[in-house]
């Protein structure tokens, strides 16, 4: 039987009584805030402490080098606006040690997810873009439906861009210039709305929106030549995400989802410089430094505590944090100790077609995963899913370029060749599940019609399926690793 001694677990401390006047622990002046658990600080010392935590998180990682172009994702909320303010101060002339990277701001409009009208979405964009103009950095805006591309192309067209990083304009001039913002109600919007409408649970919807957001940021970073994408996740939100990911079957990806750097996508990494700060500290900083922010509703707005796994874990963490201020620190530091498991015995390094994490569904017949899959198979309702008629590209049906004058194959030697007779064929649900990690399988399970998934997911599934078919065909001619 497993036993845990008292020294192995950090004990939660009851919230101390903070009533009455206290002096700053740094300079002796009258304290205005209490940082961390029980550290009274004056305004100047708190701002210094807050700024140091942000800069130290970037500095000790040594991942952001001089001259790196960084795409800064700003949603308009408190966390991202505080991060934008810290970047602006770090790049100002008055800064003692200036930040060395080159920021490019981006705002992603997600109004289609919550059913906002064109006027509401345009108003939100104008508010956030006003913050962008005041910062003086180049900025872009895009919409979430841009990533749901029916044509399968990788080009993302921004709704609005501004590279005039030296201009300072009045509020009226900014409003006039932003009158050109338009929200196009095209097939992409309808497809995203239909995808969300065919997703049963709020947990699956939130997971899909997050994956789409990260994919769009990845596209924009490649398009604008950025090697890093900076997110505003704090330790409070990351602590809730740790519990939510484990509950959703994404325990293998927790180190990537909560670490400072997420390098699963190769040449572009997601970084989280706000991860050492809590939501409470961010709110205090914005209040003391007059940092403006706006509230934009999302899927969890006005949702009940038990409506999704994310809202439940967030409520659980915030409830404990109110009485035990070390809750976030305990969960966060425990999550930091997790590492990505190295699968040295695997001959293939296939990644999930949705989240790009390494597949964790290759297991032996006696594993817990195999038992779970067998239980799901035995308990599922007999019948074909809506897209069960779809089939993979048949082998030996000819190359797509055979109808053209060119004799070259349309593929690249990696199984990406497509048959001209099956251009419109879509992968089946079984084929899609075979290319997803366990957590993404649970998300896609709640999607009633998998043909509504974004084209980049279906294209990646088709590519991996064709590669697997090609590997099976030439298996007898491959040399085995000794």
Protein backbone atom coordinates (compact mmCIF):
# COMPACT_ATOMS: atom_id res chain seq x y z
CA UNK A 1 0.00 0.00 0.00
CA UNK A 2 1.36 3.43 -0.97
CA UNK A 3 2.20 5.78 1.87
CA UNK A 4 3.03 9.47 1.82
CA UNK A 5 4.95 11.05 4.65
CA UNK A 6 4.40 14.58 5.86
CA UNK A 7 7.64 15.76 4.30
CA UNK A 8 6.63 14.68 0.79
CA UNK A 9 3.65 17.02 0.44
CA UNK A 10 3.59 20.78 0.89
CA UNK A 11 1.04 21.61 3.57
CA UNK A 12 -1.62 24.17 2.68
CA UNK A 13 -1.53 27.18 5.00
CA UNK A 14 -4.72 28.91 6.12
CA UNK A 15 -5.11 32.47 4.86
CA UNK A 16 -3.70 34.87 7.47
CA UNK A 17 -5.62 37.76 8.97
CA UNK A 18 -4.50 40.85 7.01
CA UNK A 19 -6.64 43.47 8.75
CA UNK A 20 -4.91 46.50 10.15
CA UNK A 21 -2.08 48.68 8.84
CA UNK A 22 1.19 47.02 7.86
CA UNK A 23 4.54 48.29 6.61
CA UNK A 24 6.28 47.32 3.41
CA UNK A 25 8.74 44.47 3.98
CA UNK A 26 11.21 46.10 1.54
CA UNK A 27 11.35 49.82 2.30
CA UNK A 28 9.28 50.25 5.49
CA UNK A 29 6.68 52.51 3.89
CA UNK A 30 2.95 51.89 4.33
CA UNK A 31 1.96 48.74 2.46
CA UNK A 32 -0.91 48.85 -0.02
CA UNK A 33 -0.95 45.21 -1.22
CA UNK A 34 -0.04 41.76 0.06
CA UNK A 35 1.90 39.75 -2.52
CA UNK A 36 2.37 35.99 -2.63
CA UNK A 37 1.02 34.61 0.68
CA UNK A 38 1.91 37.13 3.37
CA UNK A 39 4.32 39.74 1.95
CA UNK A 40 3.14 43.35 2.45
CA UNK A 41 4.50 45.72 -0.20
CA UNK A 42 4.07 49.36 -1.10
CA UNK A 43 3.14 50.40 -4.62
CA UNK A 44 6.69 50.97 -5.90
CA UNK A 45 8.04 47.74 -4.42
CA UNK A 46 5.13 45.72 -5.76
CA UNK A 47 5.58 47.07 -9.30
CA UNK A 48 9.29 46.30 -9.07
CA UNK A 49 8.56 42.79 -7.81
CA UNK A 50 5.96 42.18 -10.54
CA UNK A 51 8.23 43.44 -13.31
CA UNK A 52 11.17 41.40 -12.03
CA UNK A 53 9.14 38.17 -12.02
CA UNK A 54 8.13 38.78 -15.64
CA UNK A 55 11.64 39.63 -16.86
CA UNK A 56 13.27 36.87 -14.82
CA UNK A 57 10.96 34.27 -16.37
CA UNK A 58 12.10 35.35 -19.82
CA UNK A 59 15.76 35.69 -18.86
CA UNK A 60 16.32 32.39 -17.11
CA UNK A 61 14.85 30.41 -19.98
CA UNK A 62 17.43 31.82 -22.45
CA UNK A 63 15.12 30.94 -25.32
CA UNK A 64 14.30 34.44 -26.57
CA UNK A 65 17.43 35.87 -28.14
CA UNK A 66 18.37 39.35 -29.33
CA UNK A 67 16.46 40.37 -32.43
CA UNK A 68 13.95 37.50 -32.32
CA UNK A 69 10.58 38.38 -33.82
CA UNK A 70 7.89 37.44 -31.32
CA UNK A 71 4.17 37.31 -32.01
CA UNK A 72 2.37 38.59 -28.88
CA UNK A 73 -1.19 37.27 -28.57
CA UNK A 74 -3.44 39.87 -26.92
CA UNK A 75 -7.08 39.03 -26.21
CA UNK A 76 -7.94 42.29 -24.45
CA UNK A 77 -8.24 40.66 -21.02
CA UNK A 78 -6.31 41.56 -17.89
CA UNK A 79 -3.49 39.03 -18.33
CA UNK A 80 -2.61 39.87 -21.93
CA UNK A 81 -2.98 43.65 -21.40
CA UNK A 82 -0.66 43.47 -18.39
CA UNK A 83 1.84 41.53 -20.52
CA UNK A 84 1.58 44.17 -23.25
CA UNK A 85 2.23 46.92 -20.69
CA UNK A 86 5.30 45.11 -19.36
CA UNK A 87 6.67 44.64 -22.89
CA UNK A 88 6.10 48.31 -23.67
CA UNK A 89 7.98 49.35 -20.52
CA UNK A 90 10.76 46.85 -21.20
CA UNK A 91 11.35 48.27 -24.69
CA UNK A 92 11.09 51.94 -23.71
CA UNK A 93 14.08 54.24 -23.67
CA UNK A 94 13.81 54.71 -19.89
CA UNK A 95 14.25 50.98 -19.20
CA UNK A 96 17.55 50.16 -17.50
CA UNK A 97 17.84 46.74 -19.15
CA UNK A 98 15.83 46.75 -22.33
CA UNK A 99 14.16 43.69 -23.74
CA UNK A 100 15.86 42.64 -26.95
CA UNK A 101 13.12 40.93 -28.95
CA UNK A 102 10.96 42.54 -31.64
CA UNK A 103 7.23 42.25 -30.80
CA UNK A 104 4.35 42.02 -33.25
CA UNK A 105 0.87 42.16 -31.71
CA UNK A 106 -2.10 40.10 -32.84
CA UNK A 107 -5.73 39.93 -31.80
CA UNK A 108 -7.95 36.99 -32.76
CA UNK A 109 -11.66 37.73 -32.93
CA UNK A 110 -13.68 34.81 -31.52
CA UNK A 111 -17.08 36.45 -31.69
CA UNK A 112 -18.44 33.74 -33.97
CA UNK A 113 -18.04 31.24 -31.13
CA UNK A 114 -20.41 33.12 -28.81
CA UNK A 115 -22.76 34.26 -31.57
CA UNK A 116 -21.94 37.97 -31.34
CA UNK A 117 -23.33 40.35 -33.92
CA UNK A 118 -21.21 42.19 -36.46
CA UNK A 119 -21.50 45.41 -34.46
CA UNK A 120 -20.37 43.76 -31.22
CA UNK A 121 -17.40 42.08 -32.87
CA UNK A 122 -16.32 45.29 -34.58
CA UNK A 123 -16.60 47.20 -31.30
CA UNK A 124 -14.39 44.66 -29.52
CA UNK A 125 -11.81 44.86 -32.27
CA UNK A 126 -11.75 48.65 -32.15
CA UNK A 127 -11.24 48.60 -28.39
CA UNK A 128 -8.31 46.18 -28.55
CA UNK A 129 -6.77 47.88 -31.58
CA UNK A 130 -6.84 51.16 -29.66
CA UNK A 131 -4.54 49.54 -27.11
CA UNK A 132 -2.34 48.37 -29.98
CA UNK A 133 -2.00 51.86 -31.45
CA UNK A 134 -1.14 53.30 -28.04
CA UNK A 135 1.67 50.75 -27.66
CA UNK A 136 3.35 51.82 -30.89
CA UNK A 137 4.06 48.24 -32.03
CA UNK A 138 3.03 46.74 -35.39
CA UNK A 139 -0.19 44.79 -35.03
CA UNK A 140 -2.60 42.52 -36.86
CA UNK A 141 -6.10 41.24 -36.28
CA UNK A 142 -7.64 38.05 -37.56
CA UNK A 143 -10.77 35.99 -36.99
CA UNK A 144 -10.98 32.46 -35.64
CA UNK A 145 -12.93 31.25 -38.64
CA UNK A 146 -9.90 31.92 -40.85
CA UNK A 147 -8.34 28.66 -39.67
CA UNK A 148 -11.38 26.67 -40.81
CA UNK A 149 -10.29 26.77 -44.42
CA UNK A 150 -12.33 24.65 -46.74
CA UNK A 151 -9.75 24.85 -49.53
CA UNK A 152 -6.97 23.43 -47.37
CA UNK A 153 -4.59 26.32 -48.05
CA UNK A 154 -2.32 27.63 -45.34
CA UNK A 155 -2.59 31.34 -46.14
CA UNK A 156 -4.35 33.35 -43.43
CA UNK A 157 -5.63 36.76 -44.50
CA UNK A 158 -5.64 39.29 -41.62
CA UNK A 159 -8.75 41.37 -41.14
CA UNK A 160 -6.63 44.46 -40.52
CA UNK A 161 -2.93 45.25 -40.16
CA UNK A 162 -0.89 48.24 -39.07
CA UNK A 163 2.87 48.60 -39.49
CA UNK A 164 3.00 52.32 -38.75
CA UNK A 165 4.73 51.76 -35.40
CA UNK A 166 5.90 55.35 -35.05
CA UNK A 167 2.59 57.17 -35.29
CA UNK A 168 0.66 58.63 -32.38
CA UNK A 169 -2.89 59.50 -33.29
CA UNK A 170 -5.91 60.78 -31.47
CA UNK A 171 -8.80 58.55 -30.49
CA UNK A 172 -10.97 59.97 -33.30
CA UNK A 173 -8.27 59.28 -35.90
CA UNK A 174 -7.89 55.73 -34.65
CA UNK A 175 -11.65 55.21 -34.79
CA UNK A 176 -11.79 56.56 -38.36
CA UNK A 177 -8.96 54.32 -39.49
CA UNK A 178 -10.58 51.27 -37.90
CA UNK A 179 -13.90 51.84 -39.64
CA UNK A 180 -12.57 49.53 -42.36
CA UNK A 181 -12.76 46.50 -40.09
CA UNK A 182 -15.22 44.09 -41.58
CA UNK A 183 -16.42 40.70 -40.48
CA UNK A 184 -17.09 38.57 -43.52
CA UNK A 185 -19.96 36.13 -43.16
CA UNK A 186 -18.75 33.55 -45.65
CA UNK A 187 -18.49 29.79 -45.79
CA UNK A 188 -15.79 29.73 -43.10
CA UNK A 189 -18.12 31.34 -40.57
CA UNK A 190 -20.95 28.98 -41.42
CA UNK A 191 -18.64 25.97 -41.24
CA UNK A 192 -17.33 26.92 -37.80
CA UNK A 193 -20.84 27.58 -36.52
CA UNK A 194 -21.97 24.21 -37.87
CA UNK A 195 -19.00 22.47 -36.26
CA UNK A 196 -19.80 23.94 -32.85
CA UNK A 197 -23.50 23.19 -33.29
CA UNK A 198 -22.67 19.52 -33.94
CA UNK A 199 -20.45 19.29 -30.84
CA UNK A 200 -22.41 17.93 -27.88
CA UNK A 201 -20.52 19.00 -24.74
CA UNK A 202 -19.15 22.37 -23.67
CA UNK A 203 -15.88 20.64 -22.71
CA UNK A 204 -15.35 19.51 -26.31
CA UNK A 205 -16.28 22.95 -27.65
CA UNK A 206 -13.75 24.69 -25.40
CA UNK A 207 -11.07 22.22 -26.38
CA UNK A 208 -11.79 22.67 -30.09
CA UNK A 209 -11.69 26.47 -29.82
CA UNK A 210 -8.36 26.33 -27.99
CA UNK A 211 -6.84 24.04 -30.63
CA UNK A 212 -8.14 26.26 -33.43
CA UNK A 213 -6.74 29.37 -31.71
CA UNK A 214 -3.28 27.85 -31.35
CA UNK A 215 -3.32 26.65 -34.96
CA UNK A 216 -4.25 30.14 -36.17
CA UNK A 217 -1.48 31.70 -34.07
CA UNK A 218 0.94 29.21 -35.56
CA UNK A 219 -0.15 30.16 -39.10
CA UNK A 220 0.18 33.88 -38.36
CA UNK A 221 3.62 33.43 -36.80
CA UNK A 222 4.84 31.66 -39.94
CA UNK A 223 3.23 34.26 -42.16
CA UNK A 224 4.88 37.19 -40.37
CA UNK A 225 8.26 35.52 -39.83
CA UNK A 226 8.04 35.12 -36.03
CA UNK A 227 9.86 32.31 -34.26
CA UNK A 228 8.00 32.62 -30.94
CA UNK A 229 4.37 33.13 -29.91
CA UNK A 230 3.91 34.79 -26.52
CA UNK A 231 0.83 33.86 -24.47
CA UNK A 232 -0.55 35.47 -21.29
CA UNK A 233 -1.25 32.33 -19.23
CA UNK A 234 -0.71 32.84 -15.48
CA UNK A 235 0.01 30.26 -12.80
CA UNK A 236 -3.65 30.35 -11.76
CA UNK A 237 -4.95 29.42 -15.19
CA UNK A 238 -2.16 26.89 -15.71
CA UNK A 239 -2.94 25.19 -12.39
CA UNK A 240 -6.56 24.75 -13.44
CA UNK A 241 -5.38 23.50 -16.84
CA UNK A 242 -3.22 20.82 -15.21
CA UNK A 243 -6.21 19.28 -13.46
CA UNK A 244 -8.45 19.73 -16.51
CA UNK A 245 -5.93 18.09 -18.86
CA UNK A 246 -5.52 15.09 -16.57
CA UNK A 247 -9.30 14.71 -16.33
CA UNK A 248 -9.60 14.94 -20.13
CA UNK A 249 -6.97 12.27 -20.77
CA UNK A 250 -4.18 14.68 -21.73
CA UNK A 251 -1.80 13.84 -18.91
CA UNK A 252 1.01 13.03 -21.36
CA UNK A 253 0.88 16.59 -22.75
CA UNK A 254 0.78 18.43 -19.40
CA UNK A 255 4.53 19.33 -19.48
CA UNK A 256 4.04 21.01 -22.85
CA UNK A 257 0.77 22.72 -21.96
CA UNK A 258 2.03 24.33 -18.74
CA UNK A 259 5.79 24.76 -19.29
CA UNK A 260 7.46 28.01 -20.29
CA UNK A 261 8.12 26.74 -23.80
CA UNK A 262 5.94 24.49 -25.94
CA UNK A 263 8.11 23.32 -28.85
CA UNK A 264 5.91 20.53 -30.20
CA UNK A 265 5.44 22.43 -33.49
CA UNK A 266 9.11 22.45 -34.43
CA UNK A 267 10.52 25.78 -35.56
CA UNK A 268 7.90 27.92 -33.76
CA UNK A 269 7.47 27.75 -29.98
CA UNK A 270 4.74 29.01 -27.65
CA UNK A 271 6.17 30.79 -24.60
CA UNK A 272 4.43 31.85 -21.38
CA UNK A 273 6.31 34.68 -19.60
CA UNK A 274 3.42 35.34 -17.16
CA UNK A 275 3.44 31.82 -15.74
CA UNK A 276 5.10 32.85 -12.44
CA UNK A 277 2.34 35.36 -11.62
CA UNK A 278 -1.17 34.79 -10.31
CA UNK A 279 -4.44 36.32 -11.50
CA UNK A 280 -4.67 38.28 -8.25
CA UNK A 281 -1.23 39.84 -8.76
CA UNK A 282 -2.12 40.73 -12.34
CA UNK A 283 -5.33 42.45 -11.19
CA UNK A 284 -3.41 44.41 -8.55
CA UNK A 285 -0.78 45.48 -11.08
CA UNK A 286 -3.41 46.69 -13.55
CA UNK A 287 -5.17 48.61 -10.77
CA UNK A 288 -2.00 50.31 -9.48
CA UNK A 289 -0.57 51.09 -12.94
CA UNK A 290 -3.90 52.07 -14.58
CA UNK A 291 -3.62 49.39 -17.27
CA UNK A 292 -6.77 49.33 -19.37
CA UNK A 293 -8.42 46.06 -20.34
CA UNK A 294 -11.76 44.95 -21.69
CA UNK A 295 -14.07 42.03 -21.08
CA UNK A 296 -14.97 39.89 -24.09
CA UNK A 297 -17.36 36.99 -23.43
CA UNK A 298 -16.35 33.45 -24.28
CA UNK A 299 -17.90 29.99 -24.11
CA UNK A 300 -17.61 29.78 -20.32
CA UNK A 301 -19.27 33.16 -19.72
CA UNK A 302 -22.50 32.74 -17.73
CA UNK A 303 -21.93 28.97 -17.75
CA UNK A 304 -22.58 26.94 -14.62
CA UNK A 305 -19.88 25.52 -12.41
CA UNK A 306 -20.55 21.98 -13.61
CA UNK A 307 -21.06 22.83 -17.28
CA UNK A 308 -17.58 21.65 -18.35
CA UNK A 309 -14.41 20.16 -16.95
CA UNK A 310 -12.54 23.44 -17.40
CA UNK A 311 -15.09 25.51 -15.49
CA UNK A 312 -15.24 22.92 -12.71
CA UNK A 313 -11.46 22.76 -12.21
CA UNK A 314 -11.20 26.55 -12.38
CA UNK A 315 -13.90 26.93 -9.75
CA UNK A 316 -12.20 24.29 -7.60
CA UNK A 317 -8.79 26.02 -7.76
CA UNK A 318 -10.20 29.50 -7.12
CA UNK A 319 -12.29 28.24 -4.20
CA UNK A 320 -9.29 26.66 -2.50
CA UNK A 321 -7.06 29.64 -3.30
CA UNK A 322 -9.45 31.98 -1.47
CA UNK A 323 -8.88 30.19 1.86
CA UNK A 324 -5.47 28.58 1.21
CA UNK A 325 -3.21 31.01 -0.73
CA UNK A 326 -0.61 28.30 -1.43
CA UNK A 327 -3.03 26.17 -3.49
CA UNK A 328 -1.96 27.51 -6.89
CA UNK A 329 1.71 27.32 -5.98
CA UNK A 330 1.37 23.70 -4.81
CA UNK A 331 -0.43 22.52 -7.95
CA UNK A 332 1.79 24.58 -10.23
CA UNK A 333 5.08 23.37 -8.75
CA UNK A 334 3.86 19.78 -8.82
CA UNK A 335 3.04 20.12 -12.51
CA UNK A 336 6.50 21.51 -13.18
CA UNK A 337 8.05 18.23 -12.08
CA UNK A 338 6.34 16.32 -14.90
CA UNK A 339 8.33 15.61 -18.05
CA UNK A 340 7.47 14.30 -21.48
CA UNK A 341 7.97 10.54 -21.68
CA UNK A 342 10.54 9.52 -24.29
CA UNK A 343 9.41 6.65 -26.48
CA UNK A 344 12.79 5.37 -27.60
CA UNK A 345 11.42 2.02 -28.68
CA UNK A 346 8.97 3.46 -31.17
CA UNK A 347 9.97 3.22 -34.84
CA UNK A 348 7.66 6.02 -35.92
CA UNK A 349 7.25 9.47 -34.47
CA UNK A 350 3.71 10.20 -35.61
CA UNK A 351 2.03 13.20 -34.04
CA UNK A 352 -1.57 13.90 -33.25
CA UNK A 353 -3.35 15.44 -36.22
CA UNK A 354 -5.19 17.90 -33.96
CA UNK A 355 -2.81 19.03 -31.18
CA UNK A 356 0.56 17.92 -32.69
CA UNK A 357 1.53 16.07 -29.50
CA UNK A 358 3.21 12.69 -29.77
CA UNK A 359 0.67 9.90 -30.06
CA UNK A 360 0.08 8.12 -26.76
CA UNK A 361 -2.32 5.50 -28.10
CA UNK A 362 0.28 2.86 -29.00
CA UNK A 363 -0.10 0.38 -26.15
CA UNK A 364 0.14 -3.33 -25.50
CA UNK A 365 -2.91 -5.57 -25.28
CA UNK A 366 -2.66 -5.76 -21.48
CA UNK A 367 -2.55 -2.00 -20.91
CA UNK A 368 -5.23 0.14 -19.31
CA UNK A 369 -5.71 2.00 -22.60
CA UNK A 370 -6.50 -1.22 -24.46
CA UNK A 371 -9.01 -2.18 -21.78
CA UNK A 372 -10.65 1.24 -22.01
CA UNK A 373 -10.89 1.07 -25.79
CA UNK A 374 -12.37 -2.40 -25.60
CA UNK A 375 -14.99 -1.22 -23.09
CA UNK A 376 -15.88 1.72 -25.32
CA UNK A 377 -16.22 -0.58 -28.30
CA UNK A 378 -18.49 -3.02 -26.46
CA UNK A 379 -20.75 -0.32 -25.02
CA UNK A 380 -21.17 1.87 -28.10
CA UNK A 381 -24.51 1.87 -29.88
CA UNK A 382 -24.65 -0.31 -32.96
CA UNK A 383 -24.89 1.76 -36.08
CA UNK A 384 -22.76 3.71 -38.51
CA UNK A 385 -21.68 7.30 -37.79
CA UNK A 386 -22.82 10.04 -40.16
CA UNK A 387 -19.64 9.85 -42.22
CA UNK A 388 -19.06 6.10 -42.17
CA UNK A 389 -19.51 5.92 -45.91
CA UNK A 390 -16.29 7.88 -46.42
CA UNK A 391 -13.28 5.85 -47.41
CA UNK A 392 -9.59 6.40 -47.71
CA UNK A 393 -7.88 6.86 -51.01
CA UNK A 394 -7.85 3.48 -52.76
CA UNK A 395 -4.45 2.11 -53.56
CA UNK A 396 -3.36 1.98 -57.16
CA UNK A 397 -6.07 4.30 -58.50
CA UNK A 398 -3.63 6.61 -60.22
CA UNK A 399 -2.00 9.95 -59.45
CA UNK A 400 -3.94 13.22 -59.40
CA UNK A 401 -1.57 14.66 -62.00
CA UNK A 402 -2.32 11.87 -64.49
CA UNK A 403 -5.02 13.96 -66.13
CA UNK A 404 -2.60 16.83 -66.65
CA UNK A 405 0.17 17.11 -69.20
CA UNK A 406 2.80 16.83 -66.48
CA UNK A 407 4.10 13.33 -65.76
CA UNK A 408 5.36 14.16 -62.28
CA UNK A 409 3.59 12.74 -59.25
CA UNK A 410 1.58 15.15 -57.13
CA UNK A 411 3.05 13.64 -53.96
CA UNK A 412 6.39 14.21 -52.29
CA UNK A 413 7.39 10.61 -51.72
CA UNK A 414 5.89 10.58 -48.23
CA UNK A 415 2.48 9.16 -49.00
CA UNK A 416 0.91 12.53 -49.89
CA UNK A 417 -0.03 11.47 -53.44
CA UNK A 418 -3.76 11.75 -54.06
CA UNK A 419 -5.90 9.88 -56.54
CA UNK A 420 -7.78 11.92 -59.13
CA UNK A 421 -10.86 9.75 -58.63
CA UNK A 422 -11.15 10.44 -54.92
CA UNK A 423 -10.31 14.10 -54.38
CA UNK A 424 -13.46 14.62 -52.38
CA UNK A 425 -13.18 11.48 -50.30
CA UNK A 426 -12.90 12.11 -46.57
CA UNK A 427 -11.41 9.86 -43.91
CA UNK A 428 -13.70 7.79 -41.75
CA UNK A 429 -14.12 8.22 -38.02
CA UNK A 430 -11.95 5.16 -37.40
CA UNK A 431 -9.15 6.59 -39.53
CA UNK A 432 -9.39 9.92 -37.74
CA UNK A 433 -9.25 8.26 -34.32
CA UNK A 434 -6.13 6.33 -35.31
CA UNK A 435 -4.32 9.63 -35.96
CA UNK A 436 -5.34 11.36 -32.70
CA UNK A 437 -4.02 11.20 -29.17
CA UNK A 438 -6.28 9.89 -26.42
CA UNK A 439 -7.42 13.35 -25.28
CA UNK A 440 -8.30 14.48 -28.80
CA UNK A 441 -10.17 11.22 -29.37
CA UNK A 442 -12.46 12.08 -26.47
CA UNK A 443 -13.02 15.53 -27.95
CA UNK A 444 -13.79 14.25 -31.44
CA UNK A 445 -16.08 11.63 -29.91
CA UNK A 446 -18.48 14.45 -29.00
CA UNK A 447 -18.49 15.75 -32.61
CA UNK A 448 -21.53 14.24 -34.32
CA UNK A 449 -20.21 14.72 -37.86
CA UNK A 450 -16.43 14.46 -38.25
CA UNK A 451 -16.58 15.77 -41.82
CA UNK A 452 -17.11 19.23 -40.30
CA UNK A 453 -13.66 19.19 -38.68
CA UNK A 454 -11.17 21.79 -39.96
CA UNK A 455 -9.53 20.92 -43.25
CA UNK A 456 -6.02 20.87 -41.81
CA UNK A 457 -7.03 18.02 -39.48
CA UNK A 458 -8.66 16.02 -42.27
CA UNK A 459 -5.69 16.63 -44.58
CA UNK A 460 -3.21 15.48 -41.93
CA UNK A 461 -5.29 12.37 -41.25
CA UNK A 462 -5.40 11.59 -44.95
CA UNK A 463 -1.66 12.06 -45.26
CA UNK A 464 -0.90 9.79 -42.31
CA UNK A 465 -3.35 7.19 -43.59
CA UNK A 466 -1.74 7.14 -47.03
CA UNK A 467 1.70 6.90 -45.48
CA UNK A 468 0.57 3.95 -43.38
CA UNK A 469 -0.84 2.24 -46.47
CA UNK A 470 2.38 2.85 -48.38
CA UNK A 471 4.41 1.52 -45.44
CA UNK A 472 2.34 -1.66 -45.38
CA UNK A 473 2.82 -2.17 -49.11
CA UNK A 474 6.62 -1.94 -48.94
CA UNK A 475 7.01 -3.56 -45.54
CA UNK A 476 8.72 -6.62 -47.02
CA UNK A 477 11.42 -4.44 -48.57
CA UNK A 478 12.25 -2.38 -45.46
CA UNK A 479 15.31 -3.06 -43.34
CA UNK A 480 14.59 -3.57 -39.66
CA UNK A 481 16.59 -1.70 -37.04
CA UNK A 482 18.99 -4.01 -35.25
